[in-house]
Amino acid sequence: MLQTPRITPYRLTSPQLGRIAGHDPKDPYSSTAPVPDYQRSLGGDLNGLKVGVITEFMESDLVETTVHQTVSKAIATLGELGATVEEVSVPLSMDAGVASAVLLAVEPALAHQVWIKERIQDYGHDVRNLLLTGSLVPAQAYYKAQKLRTMLRQQVLDSLEKYDVLVLPTSGKGAQPLEDDPPITSKETASRLAFLFTRIFNLASCPAMSVPCGFDDRDMPVGLQIGARPGGEETIFKVAHAYEQATEWHTMRPPGA
């Protein structure tokens, strides 16, 4: 039996991020920048903010018609709230999935190399395939994925020099029901999550947030993804909060949830 994911509204005014943000003396790579009061940025309109709509994702064949329409309406709402909305091209953005797939296969395979040899059957079906694939990927492919990541990150950062936030669909499809992993029978079925568009900000080391912006033709939630430059969480909260105050999608649940 399929299960419908439960959607729990999240209050942007929660101080949780403020409590965990900031420098960790046990982590030399953590930021030493002061932690802003995120709640103070909430409220008001979006006058003066510049929003870039990544065209590659909006025009992708991976985006279903109803998702495109729903996200387009959400972006229009940002304009109505005072933001300047413009299209922007990030040429390598649609390659984020490929780069991410290689990195997420090779690096865990290296970390789990002993258990892969001794306990491979203890892993779930998808993870087992991921680890075995990562064990076989040549070093040249991993190197190229890292080079691709570097170039993609620079394109994202260059865009964020011009825009305060970048927006795009969180996924080309509405939320998917929970179900058993289907068997992999072809190259196409090997990439079951190609419609997820969250990888671009992961690879660019940029913060991002998904906010509910409607439902697809199956009455499943659709998300608007908002990303900003490193350290730009405050701006993301401001845009997301303004959108939620102007709409009611975050208070609604799909049928049966």
C-alpha atoms as a PDB file:
ATOM      1  CA  MET A   1       0.000   0.000   0.000  1.00  0.00           C
ATOM      2  CA  LEU A   2       1.314   3.445  -0.921  1.00  0.00           C
ATOM      3  CA  GLN A   3       1.669   6.026   1.807  1.00  0.00           C
ATOM      4  CA  THR A   4       1.210   9.743   1.282  1.00  0.00           C
ATOM      5  CA  PRO A   5       4.005  11.847   2.796  1.00  0.00           C
ATOM      6  CA  ARG A   6       2.817  13.978   5.699  1.00  0.00           C
ATOM      7  CA  ILE A   7       3.515  17.657   5.220  1.00  0.00           C
ATOM      8  CA  THR A   8       4.235  19.558   8.426  1.00  0.00           C
ATOM      9  CA  PRO A   9       4.155  23.376   8.153  1.00  0.00           C
ATOM     10  CA  TYR A  10       7.378  24.970   9.440  1.00  0.00           C
ATOM     11  CA  ARG A  11       7.339  28.293  11.240  1.00  0.00           C
ATOM     12  CA  LEU A  12      10.017  30.538   9.816  1.00  0.00           C
ATOM     13  CA  THR A  13      10.080  32.494  13.074  1.00  0.00           C
ATOM     14  CA  SER A  14      11.570  29.507  14.900  1.00  0.00           C
ATOM     15  CA  PRO A  15      14.880  30.424  16.603  1.00  0.00           C
ATOM     16  CA  GLN A  16      16.299  26.945  15.989  1.00  0.00           C
ATOM     17  CA  LEU A  17      18.773  27.958  13.274  1.00  0.00           C
ATOM     18  CA  GLY A  18      20.070  30.810  15.401  1.00  0.00           C
ATOM     19  CA  ARG A  19      20.899  28.329  18.152  1.00  0.00           C
ATOM     20  CA  ILE A  20      22.962  26.011  15.972  1.00  0.00           C
ATOM     21  CA  ALA A  21      24.540  28.564  13.609  1.00  0.00           C
ATOM     22  CA  GLY A  22      27.969  30.057  14.128  1.00  0.00           C
ATOM     23  CA  HIS A  23      31.520  28.917  14.662  1.00  0.00           C
ATOM     24  CA  ASP A  24      32.236  25.538  16.213  1.00  0.00           C
ATOM     25  CA  PRO A  25      35.670  25.505  17.889  1.00  0.00           C
ATOM     26  CA  LYS A  26      35.871  21.770  17.201  1.00  0.00           C
ATOM     27  CA  ASP A  27      35.426  22.409  13.463  1.00  0.00           C
ATOM     28  CA  PRO A  28      38.171  24.616  12.004  1.00  0.00           C
ATOM     29  CA  TYR A  29      36.244  24.863   8.719  1.00  0.00           C
ATOM     30  CA  SER A  30      33.113  26.398  10.255  1.00  0.00           C
ATOM     31  CA  SER A  31      32.444  30.077   9.626  1.00  0.00           C
ATOM     32  CA  THR A  32      33.563  32.683  12.128  1.00  0.00           C
ATOM     33  CA  ALA A  33      31.140  35.293  10.779  1.00  0.00           C
ATOM     34  CA  PRO A  34      28.695  36.781  13.326  1.00  0.00           C
ATOM     35  CA  VAL A  35      25.296  35.083  13.446  1.00  0.00           C
ATOM     36  CA  PRO A  36      22.512  37.511  12.497  1.00  0.00           C
ATOM     37  CA  ASP A  37      19.179  37.704  14.258  1.00  0.00           C
ATOM     38  CA  TYR A  38      17.205  35.846  11.607  1.00  0.00           C
ATOM     39  CA  GLN A  39      13.835  36.815  13.017  1.00  0.00           C
ATOM     40  CA  ARG A  40      14.560  40.533  12.639  1.00  0.00           C
ATOM     41  CA  SER A  41      14.725  40.117   8.866  1.00  0.00           C
ATOM     42  CA  LEU A  42      11.143  38.857   8.685  1.00  0.00           C
ATOM     43  CA  GLY A  43       8.226  41.035   7.752  1.00  0.00           C
ATOM     44  CA  GLY A  44       7.587  43.713   5.186  1.00  0.00           C
ATOM     45  CA  ASP A  45       7.648  43.616   1.420  1.00  0.00           C
ATOM     46  CA  LEU A  46      10.435  42.676  -0.968  1.00  0.00           C
ATOM     47  CA  ASN A  47      11.107  46.110  -2.408  1.00  0.00           C
ATOM     48  CA  GLY A  48      14.711  46.423  -3.559  1.00  0.00           C
ATOM     49  CA  LEU A  49      15.391  42.683  -3.750  1.00  0.00           C
ATOM     50  CA  LYS A  50      16.461  41.146  -7.039  1.00  0.00           C
ATOM     51  CA  VAL A  51      15.265  37.634  -7.867  1.00  0.00           C
ATOM     52  CA  GLY A  52      16.878  35.552 -10.607  1.00  0.00           C
ATOM     53  CA  VAL A  53      14.823  32.757 -12.169  1.00  0.00           C
ATOM     54  CA  ILE A  54      17.120  30.006 -13.460  1.00  0.00           C
ATOM     55  CA  THR A  55      15.838  29.391 -16.988  1.00  0.00           C
ATOM     56  CA  GLU A  56      17.464  25.989 -17.469  1.00  0.00           C
ATOM     57  CA  PHE A  57      15.261  24.474 -14.773  1.00  0.00           C
ATOM     58  CA  MET A  58      12.081  26.284 -15.748  1.00  0.00           C
ATOM     59  CA  GLU A  59      12.470  25.144 -19.361  1.00  0.00           C
ATOM     60  CA  SER A  60      13.560  21.586 -18.590  1.00  0.00           C
ATOM     61  CA  ASP A  61      11.614  18.613 -19.932  1.00  0.00           C
ATOM     62  CA  LEU A  62      11.878  17.199 -16.407  1.00  0.00           C
ATOM     63  CA  VAL A  63       9.395  19.802 -15.164  1.00  0.00           C
ATOM     64  CA  GLU A  64       5.767  18.706 -15.426  1.00  0.00           C
ATOM     65  CA  THR A  65       3.293  21.219 -16.837  1.00  0.00           C
ATOM     66  CA  THR A  66       1.350  21.692 -13.613  1.00  0.00           C
ATOM     67  CA  VAL A  67       4.572  22.159 -11.637  1.00  0.00           C
ATOM     68  CA  HIS A  68       5.778  24.770 -14.121  1.00  0.00           C
ATOM     69  CA  GLN A  69       2.502  26.646 -13.873  1.00  0.00           C
ATOM     70  CA  THR A  70       2.436  26.496 -10.087  1.00  0.00           C
ATOM     71  CA  VAL A  71       6.025  27.674  -9.659  1.00  0.00           C
ATOM     72  CA  SER A  72       5.529  30.415 -12.253  1.00  0.00           C
ATOM     73  CA  LYS A  73       2.595  31.773 -10.224  1.00  0.00           C
ATOM     74  CA  ALA A  74       4.708  31.694  -7.074  1.00  0.00           C
ATOM     75  CA  ILE A  75       7.487  33.643  -8.792  1.00  0.00           C
ATOM     76  CA  ALA A  76       4.932  36.173 -10.034  1.00  0.00           C
ATOM     77  CA  THR A  77       3.811  36.631  -6.422  1.00  0.00           C
ATOM     78  CA  LEU A  78       7.367  37.602  -5.471  1.00  0.00           C
ATOM     79  CA  GLY A  79       7.152  40.331  -8.109  1.00  0.00           C
ATOM     80  CA  GLU A  80       3.831  41.513  -6.687  1.00  0.00           C
ATOM     81  CA  LEU A  81       5.517  41.788  -3.292  1.00  0.00           C
ATOM     82  CA  GLY A  82       7.991  44.288  -4.721  1.00  0.00           C
ATOM     83  CA  ALA A  83      10.920  42.163  -5.886  1.00  0.00           C
ATOM     84  CA  THR A  84      12.528  42.701  -9.275  1.00  0.00           C
ATOM     85  CA  VAL A  85      12.231  39.373 -11.085  1.00  0.00           C
ATOM     86  CA  GLU A  86      14.444  38.523 -14.048  1.00  0.00           C
ATOM     87  CA  GLU A  87      15.478  35.399 -15.908  1.00  0.00           C
ATOM     88  CA  VAL A  88      19.077  34.264 -15.535  1.00  0.00           C
ATOM     89  CA  SER A  89      21.006  31.484 -17.252  1.00  0.00           C
ATOM     90  CA  VAL A  90      23.300  29.144 -15.327  1.00  0.00           C
ATOM     91  CA  PRO A  91      24.567  27.031 -18.250  1.00  0.00           C
ATOM     92  CA  LEU A  92      25.934  24.113 -16.214  1.00  0.00           C
ATOM     93  CA  SER A  93      22.980  23.915 -13.828  1.00  0.00           C
ATOM     94  CA  MET A  94      21.382  20.885 -15.470  1.00  0.00           C
ATOM     95  CA  ASP A  95      24.671  18.979 -15.084  1.00  0.00           C
ATOM     96  CA  ALA A  96      24.420  19.229 -11.297  1.00  0.00           C
ATOM     97  CA  GLY A  97      22.723  15.844 -11.123  1.00  0.00           C
ATOM     98  CA  VAL A  98      25.560  14.094 -12.970  1.00  0.00           C
ATOM     99  CA  ALA A  99      28.295  15.678 -10.855  1.00  0.00           C
ATOM    100  CA  SER A 100      26.399  14.959  -7.657  1.00  0.00           C
ATOM    101  CA  ALA A 101      25.752  11.340  -8.636  1.00  0.00           C
ATOM    102  CA  VAL A 102      29.460  10.681  -9.160  1.00  0.00           C
ATOM    103  CA  LEU A 103      30.555  12.383  -5.943  1.00  0.00           C
ATOM    104  CA  LEU A 104      27.830  10.722  -3.876  1.00  0.00           C
ATOM    105  CA  ALA A 105      28.863   7.320  -5.182  1.00  0.00           C
ATOM    106  CA  VAL A 106      32.650   7.523  -4.982  1.00  0.00           C
ATOM    107  CA  GLU A 107      33.078   9.205  -1.594  1.00  0.00           C
ATOM    108  CA  PRO A 108      30.775   6.871   0.406  1.00  0.00           C
ATOM    109  CA  ALA A 109      32.320   3.878  -1.364  1.00  0.00           C
ATOM    110  CA  LEU A 110      35.731   4.957  -0.123  1.00  0.00           C
ATOM    111  CA  ALA A 111      34.478   5.482   3.422  1.00  0.00           C
ATOM    112  CA  HIS A 112      32.690   2.095   3.462  1.00  0.00           C
ATOM    113  CA  GLN A 113      35.261   0.090   1.529  1.00  0.00           C
ATOM    114  CA  VAL A 114      35.813  -2.479   4.300  1.00  0.00           C
ATOM    115  CA  TRP A 115      32.132  -3.200   4.812  1.00  0.00           C
ATOM    116  CA  ILE A 116      31.566  -3.314   1.049  1.00  0.00           C
ATOM    117  CA  LYS A 117      33.969  -6.234   0.923  1.00  0.00           C
ATOM    118  CA  GLU A 118      32.680  -7.988   4.033  1.00  0.00           C
ATOM    119  CA  ARG A 119      29.008  -6.989   4.535  1.00  0.00           C
ATOM    120  CA  ILE A 120      27.600  -5.788   1.229  1.00  0.00           C
ATOM    121  CA  GLN A 121      24.319  -7.704   1.727  1.00  0.00           C
ATOM    122  CA  ASP A 122      23.626  -5.729   4.912  1.00  0.00           C
ATOM    123  CA  TYR A 123      22.968  -2.592   2.864  1.00  0.00           C
ATOM    124  CA  GLY A 124      19.613  -1.754   1.311  1.00  0.00           C
ATOM    125  CA  HIS A 125      19.044  -2.273  -2.412  1.00  0.00           C
ATOM    126  CA  ASP A 126      19.630   1.327  -3.530  1.00  0.00           C
ATOM    127  CA  VAL A 127      22.584   1.909  -1.206  1.00  0.00           C
ATOM    128  CA  ARG A 128      24.168  -1.374  -2.270  1.00  0.00           C
ATOM    129  CA  ASN A 129      23.983  -0.339  -5.925  1.00  0.00           C
ATOM    130  CA  LEU A 130      25.348   3.105  -5.068  1.00  0.00           C
ATOM    131  CA  LEU A 131      28.349   1.739  -3.188  1.00  0.00           C
ATOM    132  CA  LEU A 132      29.178  -0.894  -5.794  1.00  0.00           C
ATOM    133  CA  THR A 133      28.949   1.707  -8.553  1.00  0.00           C
ATOM    134  CA  GLY A 134      31.155   4.095  -6.607  1.00  0.00           C
ATOM    135  CA  SER A 135      33.730   1.364  -6.148  1.00  0.00           C
ATOM    136  CA  LEU A 136      34.012   0.980  -9.930  1.00  0.00           C
ATOM    137  CA  VAL A 137      34.060   4.633 -11.001  1.00  0.00           C
ATOM    138  CA  PRO A 138      37.543   5.495 -12.334  1.00  0.00           C
ATOM    139  CA  ALA A 139      39.571   8.285 -10.761  1.00  0.00           C
ATOM    140  CA  GLN A 140      39.379  10.287 -14.000  1.00  0.00           C
ATOM    141  CA  ALA A 141      35.569  10.439 -13.760  1.00  0.00           C
ATOM    142  CA  TYR A 142      35.746  11.587 -10.146  1.00  0.00           C
ATOM    143  CA  TYR A 143      38.270  14.269 -11.086  1.00  0.00           C
ATOM    144  CA  LYS A 144      36.061  15.511 -13.911  1.00  0.00           C
ATOM    145  CA  ALA A 145      33.054  15.637 -11.573  1.00  0.00           C
ATOM    146  CA  GLN A 146      35.040  17.798  -9.164  1.00  0.00           C
ATOM    147  CA  LYS A 147      36.102  20.101 -11.996  1.00  0.00           C
ATOM    148  CA  LEU A 148      32.486  20.341 -13.119  1.00  0.00           C
ATOM    149  CA  ARG A 149      31.450  21.171  -9.575  1.00  0.00           C
ATOM    150  CA  THR A 150      34.019  23.970  -9.406  1.00  0.00           C
ATOM    151  CA  MET A 151      32.806  25.513 -12.665  1.00  0.00           C
ATOM    152  CA  LEU A 152      29.142  25.171 -11.686  1.00  0.00           C
ATOM    153  CA  ARG A 153      29.767  26.740  -8.290  1.00  0.00           C
ATOM    154  CA  GLN A 154      31.454  29.708  -9.920  1.00  0.00           C
ATOM    155  CA  GLN A 155      28.496  30.209 -12.282  1.00  0.00           C
ATOM    156  CA  VAL A 156      26.103  30.168  -9.342  1.00  0.00           C
ATOM    157  CA  LEU A 157      28.238  32.613  -7.348  1.00  0.00           C
ATOM    158  CA  ASP A 158      28.557  34.901 -10.374  1.00  0.00           C
ATOM    159  CA  SER A 159      24.750  34.971 -10.682  1.00  0.00           C
ATOM    160  CA  LEU A 160      24.423  35.757  -6.988  1.00  0.00           C
ATOM    161  CA  GLU A 161      26.626  38.810  -7.483  1.00  0.00           C
ATOM    162  CA  LYS A 162      23.749  40.252  -9.510  1.00  0.00           C
ATOM    163  CA  TYR A 163      20.765  38.743  -7.691  1.00  0.00           C
ATOM    164  CA  ASP A 164      19.914  38.485  -4.002  1.00  0.00           C
ATOM    165  CA  VAL A 165      18.300  35.075  -4.486  1.00  0.00           C
ATOM    166  CA  LEU A 166      17.912  32.499  -7.237  1.00  0.00           C
ATOM    167  CA  VAL A 167      14.619  30.621  -7.568  1.00  0.00           C
ATOM    168  CA  LEU A 168      13.542  27.443  -9.342  1.00  0.00           C
ATOM    169  CA  PRO A 169      11.277  24.439  -8.751  1.00  0.00           C
ATOM    170  CA  THR A 170      12.392  22.259  -5.867  1.00  0.00           C
ATOM    171  CA  SER A 171      11.466  19.291  -8.029  1.00  0.00           C
ATOM    172  CA  GLY A 172      10.158  18.800 -11.530  1.00  0.00           C
ATOM    173  CA  LYS A 173       7.356  16.703 -10.028  1.00  0.00           C
ATOM    174  CA  GLY A 174       5.094  17.056  -7.035  1.00  0.00           C
ATOM    175  CA  ALA A 175       5.840  15.068  -3.884  1.00  0.00           C
ATOM    176  CA  GLN A 176       6.147  11.370  -4.618  1.00  0.00           C
ATOM    177  CA  PRO A 177       4.383   8.612  -2.646  1.00  0.00           C
ATOM    178  CA  LEU A 178       6.429   6.255  -0.483  1.00  0.00           C
ATOM    179  CA  GLU A 179       6.896   2.940  -2.242  1.00  0.00           C
ATOM    180  CA  ASP A 180       9.358   0.101  -2.685  1.00  0.00           C
ATOM    181  CA  ASP A 181      12.342   0.744  -4.932  1.00  0.00           C
ATOM    182  CA  PRO A 182      11.526  -0.401  -8.470  1.00  0.00           C
ATOM    183  CA  PRO A 183      13.986  -2.743 -10.193  1.00  0.00           C
ATOM    184  CA  ILE A 184      16.665  -1.078 -12.300  1.00  0.00           C
ATOM    185  CA  THR A 185      16.227  -2.351 -15.843  1.00  0.00           C
ATOM    186  CA  SER A 186      17.745   0.423 -17.952  1.00  0.00           C
ATOM    187  CA  LYS A 187      19.883   3.546 -17.901  1.00  0.00           C
ATOM    188  CA  GLU A 188      16.743   5.648 -17.507  1.00  0.00           C
ATOM    189  CA  THR A 189      15.456   3.762 -14.468  1.00  0.00           C
ATOM    190  CA  ALA A 190      18.900   3.921 -12.836  1.00  0.00           C
ATOM    191  CA  SER A 191      18.372   7.629 -12.218  1.00  0.00           C
ATOM    192  CA  ARG A 192      15.015   7.647 -10.476  1.00  0.00           C
ATOM    193  CA  LEU A 193      15.453  11.072  -8.890  1.00  0.00           C
ATOM    194  CA  ALA A 194      16.552  13.084 -11.915  1.00  0.00           C
ATOM    195  CA  PHE A 195      13.605  15.414 -11.327  1.00  0.00           C
ATOM    196  CA  LEU A 196      15.039  16.643  -7.988  1.00  0.00           C
ATOM    197  CA  PHE A 197      16.650  20.061  -8.426  1.00  0.00           C
ATOM    198  CA  THR A 198      18.231  20.597  -5.005  1.00  0.00           C
ATOM    199  CA  ARG A 199      21.716  19.514  -6.032  1.00  0.00           C
ATOM    200  CA  ILE A 200      22.757  22.812  -7.595  1.00  0.00           C
ATOM    201  CA  PHE A 201      22.965  24.625  -4.257  1.00  0.00           C
ATOM    202  CA  ASN A 202      24.536  21.627  -2.525  1.00  0.00           C
ATOM    203  CA  LEU A 203      27.378  21.639  -5.039  1.00  0.00           C
ATOM    204  CA  ALA A 204      27.746  25.416  -4.836  1.00  0.00           C
ATOM    205  CA  SER A 205      27.902  25.349  -1.002  1.00  0.00           C
ATOM    206  CA  CYS A 206      24.990  27.783  -0.893  1.00  0.00           C
ATOM    207  CA  PRO A 207      22.024  27.786   1.494  1.00  0.00           C
ATOM    208  CA  ALA A 208      18.579  27.098   0.078  1.00  0.00           C
ATOM    209  CA  MET A 209      15.010  26.580   1.266  1.00  0.00           C
ATOM    210  CA  SER A 210      11.901  24.997  -0.213  1.00  0.00           C
ATOM    211  CA  VAL A 211       8.497  26.497   0.550  1.00  0.00           C
ATOM    212  CA  PRO A 212       5.103  25.032  -0.431  1.00  0.00           C
ATOM    213  CA  CYS A 213       3.626  26.884  -3.393  1.00  0.00           C
ATOM    214  CA  GLY A 214       0.690  24.736  -4.538  1.00  0.00           C
ATOM    215  CA  PHE A 215      -0.348  21.267  -5.667  1.00  0.00           C
ATOM    216  CA  ASP A 216       0.098  19.293  -8.860  1.00  0.00           C
ATOM    217  CA  ASP A 217      -2.636  17.485 -10.790  1.00  0.00           C
ATOM    218  CA  ARG A 218      -2.402  14.592  -8.303  1.00  0.00           C
ATOM    219  CA  ASP A 219      -3.056  16.978  -5.400  1.00  0.00           C
ATOM    220  CA  MET A 220       0.516  16.494  -4.197  1.00  0.00           C
ATOM    221  CA  PRO A 221       2.612  19.422  -2.879  1.00  0.00           C
ATOM    222  CA  VAL A 222       4.857  21.473  -5.163  1.00  0.00           C
ATOM    223  CA  GLY A 223       7.826  23.426  -3.822  1.00  0.00           C
ATOM    224  CA  LEU A 224       9.460  26.737  -4.718  1.00  0.00           C
ATOM    225  CA  GLN A 225      13.205  26.607  -4.051  1.00  0.00           C
ATOM    226  CA  ILE A 226      15.008  29.763  -2.934  1.00  0.00           C
ATOM    227  CA  GLY A 227      18.813  29.909  -2.830  1.00  0.00           C
ATOM    228  CA  ALA A 228      21.252  32.635  -1.832  1.00  0.00           C
ATOM    229  CA  ARG A 229      24.996  33.241  -1.600  1.00  0.00           C
ATOM    230  CA  PRO A 230      26.974  31.598   1.225  1.00  0.00           C
ATOM    231  CA  GLY A 231      25.878  33.186   4.491  1.00  0.00           C
ATOM    232  CA  GLY A 232      22.677  34.477   2.899  1.00  0.00           C
ATOM    233  CA  GLU A 233      20.210  32.574   5.097  1.00  0.00           C
ATOM    234  CA  GLU A 234      18.760  35.847   6.366  1.00  0.00           C
ATOM    235  CA  THR A 235      17.749  36.879   2.847  1.00  0.00           C
ATOM    236  CA  ILE A 236      16.208  33.473   2.148  1.00  0.00           C
ATOM    237  CA  PHE A 237      14.115  33.719   5.315  1.00  0.00           C
ATOM    238  CA  LYS A 238      12.925  37.189   4.336  1.00  0.00           C
ATOM    239  CA  VAL A 239      11.795  36.088   0.863  1.00  0.00           C
ATOM    240  CA  ALA A 240      10.220  32.837   2.089  1.00  0.00           C
ATOM    241  CA  HIS A 241       8.413  34.537   4.964  1.00  0.00           C
ATOM    242  CA  ALA A 242       7.046  37.282   2.705  1.00  0.00           C
ATOM    243  CA  TYR A 243       5.760  34.649   0.287  1.00  0.00           C
ATOM    244  CA  GLU A 244       4.117  32.616   3.042  1.00  0.00           C
ATOM    245  CA  GLN A 245       2.454  35.708   4.474  1.00  0.00           C
ATOM    246  CA  ALA A 246       0.967  36.432   1.052  1.00  0.00           C
ATOM    247  CA  THR A 247      -0.282  32.871   0.426  1.00  0.00           C
ATOM    248  CA  GLU A 248      -1.860  29.999   2.327  1.00  0.00           C
ATOM    249  CA  TRP A 249      -0.102  27.022   0.779  1.00  0.00           C
ATOM    250  CA  HIS A 250       1.984  26.318   3.888  1.00  0.00           C
ATOM    251  CA  THR A 251      -1.212  25.829   5.913  1.00  0.00           C
ATOM    252  CA  MET A 252      -2.732  23.277   3.517  1.00  0.00           C
ATOM    253  CA  ARG A 253      -2.306  19.513   3.349  1.00  0.00           C
ATOM    254  CA  PRO A 254      -2.868  17.111   0.471  1.00  0.00           C
ATOM    255  CA  PRO A 255      -5.937  14.871   0.742  1.00  0.00           C
ATOM    256  CA  GLY A 256      -5.355  11.968   3.112  1.00  0.00           C
ATOM    257  CA  ALA A 257      -2.294  13.489   4.773  1.00  0.00           C
END
